[in-house]
Amino acid sequence: MKLKEIQAILNAKGLTGEENPELEVQSACSSDMMSDVLAFPKEHMVLLTGLVNPQVMRTADMLDIRMVVFVRGKQPAEEALELARECGISVLSTEHTLYNASGILFMHGLNNRVKG
């Protein structure tokens, strides 16, 4: 699923990475605990979270996650957005809850299994 599709499906606002609407992911991880994200590495994954500190971007960069969606309309600090830009991470923000955003993406075919 492409960045522009996720943005449309979740009615999300683009915060970084607008220059890469064709960025594609094949799986998703939803968590506010970065230790859980570290235990769940998959290629081509989008991270959905309500945690807005720079550690999210550091975790995403370590796992080569190139797309992060913040839920509940949360807006990360400029420090986190700058780190996202430096790391090439596209960032979106949606008003949906973590649970709803995850379910919506799942219903549109995105899950936690990498397609072979």
C-alpha atoms as a PDB file:
ATOM      1  CA  MET A   1       0.000   0.000   0.000  1.00  0.00           C
ATOM      2  CA  LYS A   2       1.380   3.405  -0.972  1.00  0.00           C
ATOM      3  CA  LEU A   3       1.824   6.481   1.197  1.00  0.00           C
ATOM      4  CA  LYS A   4      -0.761   8.426  -0.798  1.00  0.00           C
ATOM      5  CA  GLU A   5      -3.293   5.597  -0.313  1.00  0.00           C
ATOM      6  CA  ILE A   6      -2.703   5.437   3.445  1.00  0.00           C
ATOM      7  CA  GLN A   7      -3.001   9.204   3.650  1.00  0.00           C
ATOM      8  CA  ALA A   8      -6.341   9.106   1.819  1.00  0.00           C
ATOM      9  CA  ILE A   9      -7.739   6.096   3.691  1.00  0.00           C
ATOM     10  CA  LEU A  10      -6.907   7.587   7.103  1.00  0.00           C
ATOM     11  CA  ASN A  11      -7.704  11.172   6.055  1.00  0.00           C
ATOM     12  CA  ALA A  12      -4.223  11.961   7.346  1.00  0.00           C
ATOM     13  CA  LYS A  13      -2.178  15.117   7.172  1.00  0.00           C
ATOM     14  CA  GLY A  14       1.324  14.825   5.709  1.00  0.00           C
ATOM     15  CA  LEU A  15       4.014  16.194   8.021  1.00  0.00           C
ATOM     16  CA  THR A  16       7.135  15.031   6.134  1.00  0.00           C
ATOM     17  CA  GLY A  17       7.826  13.013   2.997  1.00  0.00           C
ATOM     18  CA  GLU A  18       5.272  14.649   0.705  1.00  0.00           C
ATOM     19  CA  GLU A  19       7.827  14.326  -2.087  1.00  0.00           C
ATOM     20  CA  ASN A  20       7.500  10.527  -1.941  1.00  0.00           C
ATOM     21  CA  PRO A  21       3.771   9.680  -2.413  1.00  0.00           C
ATOM     22  CA  GLU A  22       4.669   6.378  -4.069  1.00  0.00           C
ATOM     23  CA  LEU A  23       6.504   5.059  -0.984  1.00  0.00           C
ATOM     24  CA  GLU A  24       5.106   1.574  -0.462  1.00  0.00           C
ATOM     25  CA  VAL A  25       4.677  -0.604   2.618  1.00  0.00           C
ATOM     26  CA  GLN A  26       3.592  -4.218   2.898  1.00  0.00           C
ATOM     27  CA  SER A  27       2.916  -4.601   6.611  1.00  0.00           C
ATOM     28  CA  ALA A  28       2.027  -2.579   9.698  1.00  0.00           C
ATOM     29  CA  CYS A  29       2.905  -2.392  13.371  1.00  0.00           C
ATOM     30  CA  SER A  30       0.805  -0.489  15.921  1.00  0.00           C
ATOM     31  CA  SER A  31       2.330   0.268  19.296  1.00  0.00           C
ATOM     32  CA  ASP A  32       3.199   2.995  21.775  1.00  0.00           C
ATOM     33  CA  MET A  33       5.976   0.816  23.194  1.00  0.00           C
ATOM     34  CA  MET A  34       9.133   1.032  21.108  1.00  0.00           C
ATOM     35  CA  SER A  35      10.426  -2.158  22.757  1.00  0.00           C
ATOM     36  CA  ASP A  36       7.500  -3.999  21.124  1.00  0.00           C
ATOM     37  CA  VAL A  37       8.344  -2.421  17.772  1.00  0.00           C
ATOM     38  CA  LEU A  38      11.943  -3.581  18.133  1.00  0.00           C
ATOM     39  CA  ALA A  39      10.672  -7.130  18.736  1.00  0.00           C
ATOM     40  CA  PHE A  40       8.540  -7.021  15.568  1.00  0.00           C
ATOM     41  CA  PRO A  41      10.871  -6.007  12.717  1.00  0.00           C
ATOM     42  CA  LYS A  42       9.550  -6.538   9.203  1.00  0.00           C
ATOM     43  CA  GLU A  43      10.649  -5.084   5.903  1.00  0.00           C
ATOM     44  CA  HIS A  44       8.545  -2.390   4.264  1.00  0.00           C
ATOM     45  CA  MET A  45       6.543  -1.666   7.418  1.00  0.00           C
ATOM     46  CA  VAL A  46       4.515   1.352   8.533  1.00  0.00           C
ATOM     47  CA  LEU A  47       4.525   2.201  12.235  1.00  0.00           C
ATOM     48  CA  LEU A  48       1.327   3.554  13.812  1.00  0.00           C
ATOM     49  CA  THR A  49       1.777   5.148  17.232  1.00  0.00           C
ATOM     50  CA  GLY A  50       0.587   7.779  19.653  1.00  0.00           C
ATOM     51  CA  LEU A  51       4.077   8.308  21.059  1.00  0.00           C
ATOM     52  CA  VAL A  52       5.474  11.569  19.653  1.00  0.00           C
ATOM     53  CA  ASN A  53       9.015  11.841  20.994  1.00  0.00           C
ATOM     54  CA  PRO A  54      12.200  11.659  18.877  1.00  0.00           C
ATOM     55  CA  GLN A  55      12.782   8.079  20.074  1.00  0.00           C
ATOM     56  CA  VAL A  56      10.063   6.987  17.632  1.00  0.00           C
ATOM     57  CA  MET A  57      12.171   8.236  14.719  1.00  0.00           C
ATOM     58  CA  ARG A  58      15.330   6.675  16.117  1.00  0.00           C
ATOM     59  CA  THR A  59      13.548   3.325  16.449  1.00  0.00           C
ATOM     60  CA  ALA A  60      12.081   3.646  12.966  1.00  0.00           C
ATOM     61  CA  ASP A  61      15.480   4.460  11.503  1.00  0.00           C
ATOM     62  CA  MET A  62      17.117   1.480  13.258  1.00  0.00           C
ATOM     63  CA  LEU A  63      14.517  -0.849  11.706  1.00  0.00           C
ATOM     64  CA  ASP A  64      14.509   0.879   8.301  1.00  0.00           C
ATOM     65  CA  ILE A  65      10.857   1.911   8.774  1.00  0.00           C
ATOM     66  CA  ARG A  66      10.212   4.648   6.213  1.00  0.00           C
ATOM     67  CA  MET A  67       6.654   5.604   7.229  1.00  0.00           C
ATOM     68  CA  VAL A  68       5.211   6.614  10.617  1.00  0.00           C
ATOM     69  CA  VAL A  69       1.575   7.524  11.301  1.00  0.00           C
ATOM     70  CA  PHE A  70       0.758   9.426  14.478  1.00  0.00           C
ATOM     71  CA  VAL A  71      -2.768   8.840  15.755  1.00  0.00           C
ATOM     72  CA  ARG A  72      -5.342  10.876  17.687  1.00  0.00           C
ATOM     73  CA  GLY A  73      -4.258  14.015  15.830  1.00  0.00           C
ATOM     74  CA  LYS A  74      -0.948  14.089  17.650  1.00  0.00           C
ATOM     75  CA  GLN A  75       1.737  16.393  16.322  1.00  0.00           C
ATOM     76  CA  PRO A  76       5.352  15.563  17.136  1.00  0.00           C
ATOM     77  CA  ALA A  77       7.804  18.246  18.184  1.00  0.00           C
ATOM     78  CA  GLU A  78       9.871  19.884  15.453  1.00  0.00           C
ATOM     79  CA  GLU A  79      12.915  17.973  16.767  1.00  0.00           C
ATOM     80  CA  ALA A  80      11.226  14.662  15.899  1.00  0.00           C
ATOM     81  CA  LEU A  81      10.132  15.948  12.477  1.00  0.00           C
ATOM     82  CA  GLU A  82      13.631  17.180  11.705  1.00  0.00           C
ATOM     83  CA  LEU A  83      15.030  13.776  12.642  1.00  0.00           C
ATOM     84  CA  ALA A  84      12.426  12.163  10.347  1.00  0.00           C
ATOM     85  CA  ARG A  85      13.539  14.396   7.473  1.00  0.00           C
ATOM     86  CA  GLU A  86      17.210  13.561   8.119  1.00  0.00           C
ATOM     87  CA  CYS A  87      16.400   9.829   8.136  1.00  0.00           C
ATOM     88  CA  GLY A  88      14.083   9.933   5.119  1.00  0.00           C
ATOM     89  CA  ILE A  89      11.000   8.933   7.100  1.00  0.00           C
ATOM     90  CA  SER A  90       7.588  10.018   5.829  1.00  0.00           C
ATOM     91  CA  VAL A  91       5.307  11.132   8.663  1.00  0.00           C
ATOM     92  CA  LEU A  92       1.513  11.385   8.705  1.00  0.00           C
ATOM     93  CA  SER A  93      -0.959  12.397  11.410  1.00  0.00           C
ATOM     94  CA  THR A  94      -4.548  11.129  11.595  1.00  0.00           C
ATOM     95  CA  GLU A  95      -7.427  11.892  13.943  1.00  0.00           C
ATOM     96  CA  HIS A  96      -8.235   8.161  14.210  1.00  0.00           C
ATOM     97  CA  THR A  97      -7.334   6.241  17.361  1.00  0.00           C
ATOM     98  CA  LEU A  98      -4.579   3.653  17.190  1.00  0.00           C
ATOM     99  CA  TYR A  99      -7.160   0.874  17.271  1.00  0.00           C
ATOM    100  CA  ASN A 100      -9.337   2.364  14.536  1.00  0.00           C
ATOM    101  CA  ALA A 101      -6.444   3.348  12.253  1.00  0.00           C
ATOM    102  CA  SER A 102      -5.020  -0.166  12.519  1.00  0.00           C
ATOM    103  CA  GLY A 103      -8.400  -1.729  11.774  1.00  0.00           C
ATOM    104  CA  ILE A 104      -9.051   0.558   8.820  1.00  0.00           C
ATOM    105  CA  LEU A 105      -5.704  -0.301   7.234  1.00  0.00           C
ATOM    106  CA  PHE A 106      -6.279  -3.998   7.916  1.00  0.00           C
ATOM    107  CA  MET A 107      -9.700  -3.803   6.240  1.00  0.00           C
ATOM    108  CA  HIS A 108      -8.007  -2.261   3.209  1.00  0.00           C
ATOM    109  CA  GLY A 109      -5.599  -5.192   2.927  1.00  0.00           C
ATOM    110  CA  LEU A 110      -2.596  -4.119   4.996  1.00  0.00           C
ATOM    111  CA  ASN A 111      -1.607  -6.594   7.696  1.00  0.00           C
ATOM    112  CA  ASN A 112       1.459  -7.768   9.571  1.00  0.00           C
ATOM    113  CA  ARG A 113       2.515 -10.395   7.061  1.00  0.00           C
ATOM    114  CA  VAL A 114       4.984  -9.493   4.345  1.00  0.00           C
ATOM    115  CA  LYS A 115       3.638 -10.548   0.981  1.00  0.00           C
ATOM    116  CA  GLY A 116       5.827 -13.041  -0.801  1.00  0.00           C
END
